[in-house]
Amino acid sequence: MAKTVLDYNSTVITPITNGISLPVPISPAGLGIATASVFIDPTIPGAANNRVELKASIGLHFVGAGNIRSLVRIWRAGKEIYYGLQTNLFDDNIIINVETVDVAPLGVQNYQLIIENQTPATTAFVSGPLVFSATAYSG
């Protein structure tokens, strides 16, 4: 059965490295760094059996030594639907790529991309690129 794109939305804060400098707070505090929303129209056949594909690219810069860890979360309607831990051993600059799929209720769905620094005594910055997108499919 063919899939139909129900909606697409993206946020491009910066498409380049060193395009921004957002300090990443130490856990348990998190920083909302991007949002995306899609509308899943209940009048479209197959919309109730939807999948929302979420993708993000996050460029980070670290200051500190050793094993630096960051946590990426995605929330929908204030509830966590994804989290992933990234450990960085060797480089002060990395790009985290995230991809996940959500089965969402009908209507407007708002997604928030959040990041946390999990290593006390270090400093992390979102430096770019920073891109977040959501694509809703039916069927």
N, C-alpha and C. Protein backbone atom coordinates (compact mmCIF):
# COMPACT_ATOMS: atom_id res chain seq x y z
N MET A 1 0.83 -1.18 0.00
CA MET A 1 0.00 0.00 0.00
C MET A 1 0.88 1.24 0.00
N ALA A 2 0.55 2.18 -0.84
CA ALA A 2 1.33 3.41 -0.96
C ALA A 2 1.11 4.30 0.25
N LYS A 3 2.15 4.98 0.65
CA LYS A 3 2.08 5.94 1.75
C LYS A 3 1.81 7.32 1.19
N THR A 4 1.07 8.12 1.94
CA THR A 4 0.77 9.48 1.55
C THR A 4 1.39 10.43 2.56
N VAL A 5 2.06 11.47 2.07
CA VAL A 5 2.58 12.49 2.97
C VAL A 5 1.41 13.35 3.42
N LEU A 6 1.18 13.37 4.73
CA LEU A 6 0.09 14.16 5.30
C LEU A 6 0.52 15.60 5.57
N ASP A 7 1.75 15.75 6.04
CA ASP A 7 2.25 17.09 6.35
C ASP A 7 3.75 17.02 6.56
N TYR A 8 4.40 18.17 6.41
CA TYR A 8 5.84 18.27 6.61
C TYR A 8 6.12 19.63 7.24
N ASN A 9 7.10 19.65 8.16
CA ASN A 9 7.51 20.90 8.76
C ASN A 9 8.96 20.79 9.18
N SER A 10 9.69 21.88 9.09
CA SER A 10 11.09 21.86 9.52
C SER A 10 11.46 23.20 10.15
N THR A 11 12.48 23.13 10.98
CA THR A 11 13.07 24.32 11.56
C THR A 11 14.57 24.24 11.29
N VAL A 12 15.08 25.27 10.64
CA VAL A 12 16.52 25.35 10.38
C VAL A 12 17.02 26.57 11.16
N ILE A 13 17.59 26.30 12.33
CA ILE A 13 18.14 27.39 13.14
C ILE A 13 19.41 27.91 12.47
N THR A 14 20.28 26.98 12.08
CA THR A 14 21.46 27.33 11.29
C THR A 14 21.91 26.09 10.51
N PRO A 15 22.23 26.25 9.24
CA PRO A 15 22.68 25.10 8.46
C PRO A 15 24.20 24.90 8.51
N ILE A 16 24.92 25.71 9.30
CA ILE A 16 26.38 25.66 9.27
C ILE A 16 26.98 25.47 10.66
N THR A 17 28.18 24.93 10.71
CA THR A 17 28.95 24.84 11.95
C THR A 17 29.34 26.25 12.39
N ASN A 18 29.28 26.47 13.69
CA ASN A 18 29.58 27.76 14.31
C ASN A 18 28.61 28.86 13.89
N GLY A 19 27.40 28.47 13.52
CA GLY A 19 26.36 29.44 13.16
C GLY A 19 25.68 30.03 14.39
N ILE A 20 25.78 29.36 15.53
CA ILE A 20 25.19 29.84 16.78
C ILE A 20 26.09 29.39 17.94
N SER A 21 25.74 29.85 19.13
CA SER A 21 26.44 29.41 20.33
C SER A 21 25.45 29.42 21.49
N LEU A 22 24.77 28.29 21.69
CA LEU A 22 23.79 28.16 22.76
C LEU A 22 24.37 27.28 23.86
N PRO A 23 24.53 27.79 25.08
CA PRO A 23 25.04 26.96 26.17
C PRO A 23 24.06 25.84 26.51
N VAL A 24 24.59 24.63 26.68
CA VAL A 24 23.76 23.47 27.02
C VAL A 24 23.83 23.27 28.53
N PRO A 25 22.67 23.29 29.22
CA PRO A 25 22.69 23.15 30.67
C PRO A 25 23.02 21.73 31.12
N ILE A 26 23.53 21.63 32.34
CA ILE A 26 23.82 20.34 32.96
C ILE A 26 22.49 19.69 33.36
N SER A 27 22.38 18.37 33.15
CA SER A 27 21.17 17.63 33.55
C SER A 27 20.93 17.81 35.04
N PRO A 28 19.70 17.86 35.49
CA PRO A 28 18.49 17.49 34.77
C PRO A 28 17.86 18.62 33.96
N ALA A 29 18.47 19.80 33.98
CA ALA A 29 17.93 20.89 33.16
C ALA A 29 18.17 20.57 31.69
N GLY A 30 17.25 20.95 30.85
CA GLY A 30 17.40 20.74 29.42
C GLY A 30 17.14 22.05 28.69
N LEU A 31 17.63 22.14 27.48
CA LEU A 31 17.44 23.32 26.65
C LEU A 31 16.64 22.94 25.42
N GLY A 32 15.47 23.54 25.25
CA GLY A 32 14.69 23.36 24.02
C GLY A 32 15.37 24.12 22.90
N ILE A 33 15.82 23.40 21.88
CA ILE A 33 16.63 24.05 20.84
C ILE A 33 15.91 24.18 19.50
N ALA A 34 14.82 23.44 19.30
CA ALA A 34 14.08 23.54 18.04
C ALA A 34 12.71 22.91 18.20
N THR A 35 11.78 23.34 17.36
CA THR A 35 10.44 22.77 17.34
C THR A 35 10.02 22.48 15.91
N ALA A 36 9.08 21.56 15.78
CA ALA A 36 8.45 21.26 14.48
C ALA A 36 7.05 20.75 14.78
N SER A 37 6.10 21.06 13.93
CA SER A 37 4.74 20.56 14.13
C SER A 37 4.17 20.06 12.82
N VAL A 38 3.26 19.09 12.92
CA VAL A 38 2.57 18.56 11.74
C VAL A 38 1.09 18.46 12.06
N PHE A 39 0.27 18.53 11.02
CA PHE A 39 -1.18 18.36 11.15
C PHE A 39 -1.56 17.03 10.52
N ILE A 40 -2.14 16.17 11.33
CA ILE A 40 -2.61 14.87 10.83
C ILE A 40 -4.12 14.98 10.70
N ASP A 41 -4.55 15.22 9.48
CA ASP A 41 -5.96 15.51 9.18
C ASP A 41 -6.81 14.25 9.30
N PRO A 42 -7.76 14.23 10.22
CA PRO A 42 -8.57 13.03 10.41
C PRO A 42 -9.49 12.69 9.24
N THR A 43 -9.67 13.63 8.30
CA THR A 43 -10.53 13.35 7.16
C THR A 43 -9.81 12.60 6.04
N ILE A 44 -8.50 12.47 6.14
CA ILE A 44 -7.73 11.77 5.11
C ILE A 44 -7.73 10.27 5.43
N PRO A 45 -8.11 9.43 4.46
CA PRO A 45 -8.08 7.98 4.70
C PRO A 45 -6.69 7.50 5.09
N GLY A 46 -6.64 6.68 6.09
CA GLY A 46 -5.37 6.13 6.55
C GLY A 46 -4.64 7.00 7.56
N ALA A 47 -5.16 8.20 7.85
CA ALA A 47 -4.47 9.10 8.77
C ALA A 47 -4.40 8.54 10.19
N ALA A 48 -5.39 7.77 10.59
CA ALA A 48 -5.38 7.20 11.94
C ALA A 48 -4.24 6.20 12.11
N ASN A 49 -3.76 5.62 11.01
CA ASN A 49 -2.65 4.67 11.03
C ASN A 49 -1.39 5.38 10.54
N ASN A 50 -1.05 6.49 11.18
CA ASN A 50 0.05 7.34 10.70
C ASN A 50 1.37 6.98 11.33
N ARG A 51 2.43 7.52 10.74
CA ARG A 51 3.77 7.49 11.29
C ARG A 51 4.36 8.87 11.06
N VAL A 52 4.99 9.42 12.09
CA VAL A 52 5.66 10.71 11.95
C VAL A 52 7.15 10.46 12.08
N GLU A 53 7.87 10.74 11.01
CA GLU A 53 9.32 10.57 10.99
C GLU A 53 9.96 11.88 11.44
N LEU A 54 10.80 11.78 12.48
CA LEU A 54 11.46 12.94 13.05
C LEU A 54 12.96 12.82 12.83
N LYS A 55 13.58 13.89 12.34
CA LYS A 55 15.01 13.89 12.07
C LYS A 55 15.62 15.18 12.61
N ALA A 56 16.84 15.05 13.16
CA ALA A 56 17.55 16.22 13.66
C ALA A 56 19.04 16.06 13.43
N SER A 57 19.69 17.19 13.17
CA SER A 57 21.15 17.28 13.16
C SER A 57 21.53 18.39 14.12
N ILE A 58 22.43 18.05 15.07
CA ILE A 58 22.81 19.00 16.11
C ILE A 58 24.33 19.04 16.18
N GLY A 59 24.91 20.18 15.89
CA GLY A 59 26.34 20.36 16.04
C GLY A 59 26.66 20.85 17.43
N LEU A 60 27.61 20.17 18.10
CA LEU A 60 27.99 20.52 19.47
C LEU A 60 29.47 20.83 19.55
N HIS A 61 29.80 21.76 20.46
CA HIS A 61 31.19 22.08 20.80
C HIS A 61 31.35 21.86 22.30
N PHE A 62 32.40 21.13 22.70
CA PHE A 62 32.65 20.81 24.10
C PHE A 62 33.90 21.50 24.60
N VAL A 63 33.87 21.91 25.87
CA VAL A 63 35.04 22.45 26.56
C VAL A 63 35.20 21.61 27.82
N GLY A 64 36.30 20.92 27.95
CA GLY A 64 36.52 20.03 29.08
C GLY A 64 37.30 18.83 28.61
N ALA A 65 37.63 17.98 29.54
CA ALA A 65 38.43 16.82 29.19
C ALA A 65 37.70 15.54 29.56
N GLY A 66 38.06 14.47 28.88
CA GLY A 66 37.54 13.16 29.24
C GLY A 66 36.29 12.78 28.48
N ASN A 67 35.52 11.95 29.12
CA ASN A 67 34.33 11.34 28.55
C ASN A 67 33.14 12.30 28.70
N ILE A 68 32.80 13.03 27.65
CA ILE A 68 31.72 14.02 27.72
C ILE A 68 30.46 13.41 27.11
N ARG A 69 29.35 13.48 27.88
CA ARG A 69 28.09 12.88 27.43
C ARG A 69 27.00 13.94 27.31
N SER A 70 26.19 13.79 26.26
CA SER A 70 25.04 14.67 26.07
C SER A 70 23.81 13.80 25.81
N LEU A 71 22.67 14.30 26.23
CA LEU A 71 21.42 13.57 26.08
C LEU A 71 20.48 14.39 25.20
N VAL A 72 19.94 13.74 24.17
CA VAL A 72 18.98 14.38 23.27
C VAL A 72 17.61 13.77 23.56
N ARG A 73 16.61 14.64 23.70
CA ARG A 73 15.23 14.20 23.94
C ARG A 73 14.31 14.83 22.89
N ILE A 74 13.23 14.12 22.58
CA ILE A 74 12.15 14.70 21.78
C ILE A 74 10.87 14.52 22.56
N TRP A 75 10.14 15.61 22.69
CA TRP A 75 8.85 15.59 23.38
C TRP A 75 7.74 15.88 22.38
N ARG A 76 6.59 15.25 22.61
CA ARG A 76 5.35 15.58 21.90
C ARG A 76 4.32 15.89 22.96
N ALA A 77 3.72 17.07 22.86
CA ALA A 77 2.68 17.48 23.80
C ALA A 77 3.14 17.35 25.25
N GLY A 78 4.40 17.72 25.51
CA GLY A 78 4.92 17.70 26.87
C GLY A 78 5.32 16.34 27.40
N LYS A 79 5.25 15.30 26.57
CA LYS A 79 5.64 13.95 26.99
C LYS A 79 6.84 13.50 26.17
N GLU A 80 7.79 12.88 26.86
CA GLU A 80 8.98 12.40 26.18
C GLU A 80 8.64 11.18 25.32
N ILE A 81 9.03 11.23 24.03
CA ILE A 81 8.80 10.10 23.13
C ILE A 81 10.11 9.50 22.64
N TYR A 82 11.24 10.18 22.92
CA TYR A 82 12.54 9.70 22.46
C TYR A 82 13.62 10.27 23.37
N TYR A 83 14.63 9.47 23.66
CA TYR A 83 15.86 10.00 24.24
C TYR A 83 17.02 9.13 23.80
N GLY A 84 18.15 9.76 23.62
CA GLY A 84 19.36 9.06 23.20
C GLY A 84 20.58 9.73 23.80
N LEU A 85 21.49 8.91 24.30
CA LEU A 85 22.71 9.39 24.93
C LEU A 85 23.86 9.32 23.95
N GLN A 86 24.61 10.40 23.85
CA GLN A 86 25.79 10.49 22.98
C GLN A 86 27.02 10.66 23.86
N THR A 87 28.02 9.82 23.66
CA THR A 87 29.28 9.93 24.39
C THR A 87 30.37 10.35 23.42
N ASN A 88 31.14 11.35 23.82
CA ASN A 88 32.20 11.88 22.97
C ASN A 88 33.53 11.74 23.69
N LEU A 89 34.44 10.99 23.13
CA LEU A 89 35.73 10.75 23.77
C LEU A 89 36.88 11.55 23.18
N PHE A 90 36.82 11.86 21.90
CA PHE A 90 38.03 12.29 21.21
C PHE A 90 38.00 13.70 20.63
N ASP A 91 36.84 14.27 20.39
CA ASP A 91 36.79 15.50 19.62
C ASP A 91 36.01 16.57 20.38
N ASP A 92 36.40 17.83 20.20
CA ASP A 92 35.70 18.94 20.82
C ASP A 92 34.47 19.37 20.02
N ASN A 93 34.36 18.89 18.79
CA ASN A 93 33.24 19.24 17.92
C ASN A 93 32.65 17.97 17.32
N ILE A 94 31.34 17.80 17.47
CA ILE A 94 30.66 16.63 16.89
C ILE A 94 29.33 17.07 16.30
N ILE A 95 28.79 16.22 15.45
CA ILE A 95 27.42 16.39 14.96
C ILE A 95 26.64 15.15 15.34
N ILE A 96 25.55 15.35 16.05
CA ILE A 96 24.64 14.26 16.43
C ILE A 96 23.51 14.24 15.42
N ASN A 97 23.27 13.07 14.83
CA ASN A 97 22.13 12.89 13.94
C ASN A 97 21.14 11.96 14.63
N VAL A 98 19.90 12.40 14.68
CA VAL A 98 18.83 11.67 15.36
C VAL A 98 17.75 11.36 14.35
N GLU A 99 17.22 10.15 14.41
CA GLU A 99 16.08 9.78 13.58
C GLU A 99 15.21 8.82 14.37
N THR A 100 13.92 9.12 14.45
CA THR A 100 12.98 8.24 15.13
C THR A 100 11.62 8.36 14.46
N VAL A 101 10.72 7.45 14.83
CA VAL A 101 9.37 7.43 14.27
C VAL A 101 8.37 7.41 15.41
N ASP A 102 7.33 8.22 15.30
CA ASP A 102 6.28 8.33 16.30
C ASP A 102 4.94 7.97 15.67
N VAL A 103 4.11 7.27 16.42
CA VAL A 103 2.71 7.06 16.03
C VAL A 103 1.92 8.10 16.82
N ALA A 104 1.35 9.06 16.12
CA ALA A 104 0.77 10.23 16.78
C ALA A 104 -0.76 10.24 16.71
N PRO A 105 -1.38 10.91 17.67
CA PRO A 105 -2.83 11.11 17.59
C PRO A 105 -3.18 12.02 16.41
N LEU A 106 -4.43 12.02 16.04
CA LEU A 106 -4.90 12.91 14.97
C LEU A 106 -4.88 14.35 15.44
N GLY A 107 -4.76 15.27 14.50
CA GLY A 107 -4.75 16.70 14.82
C GLY A 107 -3.35 17.27 14.73
N VAL A 108 -3.17 18.43 15.33
CA VAL A 108 -1.87 19.11 15.33
C VAL A 108 -0.97 18.47 16.38
N GLN A 109 0.23 18.13 15.96
CA GLN A 109 1.23 17.54 16.86
C GLN A 109 2.45 18.44 16.89
N ASN A 110 2.80 18.88 18.09
CA ASN A 110 3.96 19.76 18.29
C ASN A 110 5.09 18.97 18.91
N TYR A 111 6.25 19.03 18.27
CA TYR A 111 7.44 18.32 18.74
C TYR A 111 8.49 19.33 19.18
N GLN A 112 9.21 18.98 20.25
CA GLN A 112 10.26 19.83 20.78
C GLN A 112 11.54 19.01 20.91
N LEU A 113 12.64 19.55 20.40
CA LEU A 113 13.96 18.94 20.47
C LEU A 113 14.71 19.56 21.64
N ILE A 114 15.21 18.71 22.55
CA ILE A 114 15.82 19.17 23.79
C ILE A 114 17.19 18.52 23.94
N ILE A 115 18.14 19.26 24.51
CA ILE A 115 19.47 18.70 24.75
C ILE A 115 19.92 19.03 26.17
N GLU A 116 20.72 18.11 26.76
CA GLU A 116 21.27 18.28 28.10
C GLU A 116 22.73 17.84 28.10
N ASN A 117 23.52 18.49 28.91
CA ASN A 117 24.90 18.07 29.15
C ASN A 117 24.89 17.17 30.38
N GLN A 118 25.38 15.95 30.25
CA GLN A 118 25.35 14.97 31.34
C GLN A 118 26.68 14.84 32.07
N THR A 119 27.62 15.74 31.80
CA THR A 119 28.95 15.63 32.40
C THR A 119 29.26 16.89 33.20
N PRO A 120 29.11 16.83 34.53
CA PRO A 120 29.48 17.99 35.35
C PRO A 120 30.94 18.38 35.12
N ALA A 121 31.25 19.64 35.36
CA ALA A 121 32.60 20.20 35.20
C ALA A 121 33.02 20.31 33.74
N THR A 122 32.07 20.22 32.82
CA THR A 122 32.36 20.48 31.41
C THR A 122 31.35 21.51 30.91
N THR A 123 31.65 22.06 29.77
CA THR A 123 30.75 23.02 29.14
C THR A 123 30.48 22.54 27.72
N ALA A 124 29.22 22.63 27.33
CA ALA A 124 28.85 22.26 25.97
C ALA A 124 28.03 23.39 25.36
N PHE A 125 28.20 23.55 24.06
CA PHE A 125 27.45 24.56 23.32
C PHE A 125 26.86 23.93 22.07
N VAL A 126 25.61 24.26 21.74
CA VAL A 126 25.08 23.95 20.42
C VAL A 126 25.69 24.99 19.50
N SER A 127 26.47 24.51 18.52
CA SER A 127 27.21 25.44 17.66
C SER A 127 26.71 25.42 16.21
N GLY A 128 25.92 24.42 15.87
CA GLY A 128 25.41 24.29 14.53
C GLY A 128 26.21 23.27 13.74
N PRO A 129 25.62 22.70 12.74
CA PRO A 129 24.28 22.98 12.26
C PRO A 129 23.21 22.56 13.27
N LEU A 130 22.02 23.16 13.13
CA LEU A 130 20.88 22.78 13.95
C LEU A 130 19.64 22.76 13.06
N VAL A 131 19.18 21.55 12.76
CA VAL A 131 18.04 21.33 11.86
C VAL A 131 17.13 20.29 12.48
N PHE A 132 15.81 20.50 12.45
CA PHE A 132 14.84 19.57 13.01
C PHE A 132 13.65 19.51 12.07
N SER A 133 13.23 18.28 11.69
CA SER A 133 12.11 18.16 10.76
C SER A 133 11.16 17.03 11.18
N ALA A 134 9.92 17.18 10.75
CA ALA A 134 8.88 16.18 11.00
C ALA A 134 8.10 15.96 9.71
N THR A 135 7.94 14.68 9.33
CA THR A 135 7.14 14.33 8.16
C THR A 135 6.11 13.30 8.58
N ALA A 136 4.83 13.59 8.38
CA ALA A 136 3.75 12.68 8.75
C ALA A 136 3.29 11.93 7.51
N TYR A 137 3.19 10.60 7.65
CA TYR A 137 2.73 9.72 6.57
C TYR A 137 1.47 8.99 7.01
N SER A 138 0.58 8.73 6.06
CA SER A 138 -0.60 7.90 6.36
C SER A 138 -0.33 6.45 5.94
N GLY A 139 -1.20 5.58 6.44
CA GLY A 139 -1.14 4.17 6.01
C GLY A 139 -0.06 3.44 6.66
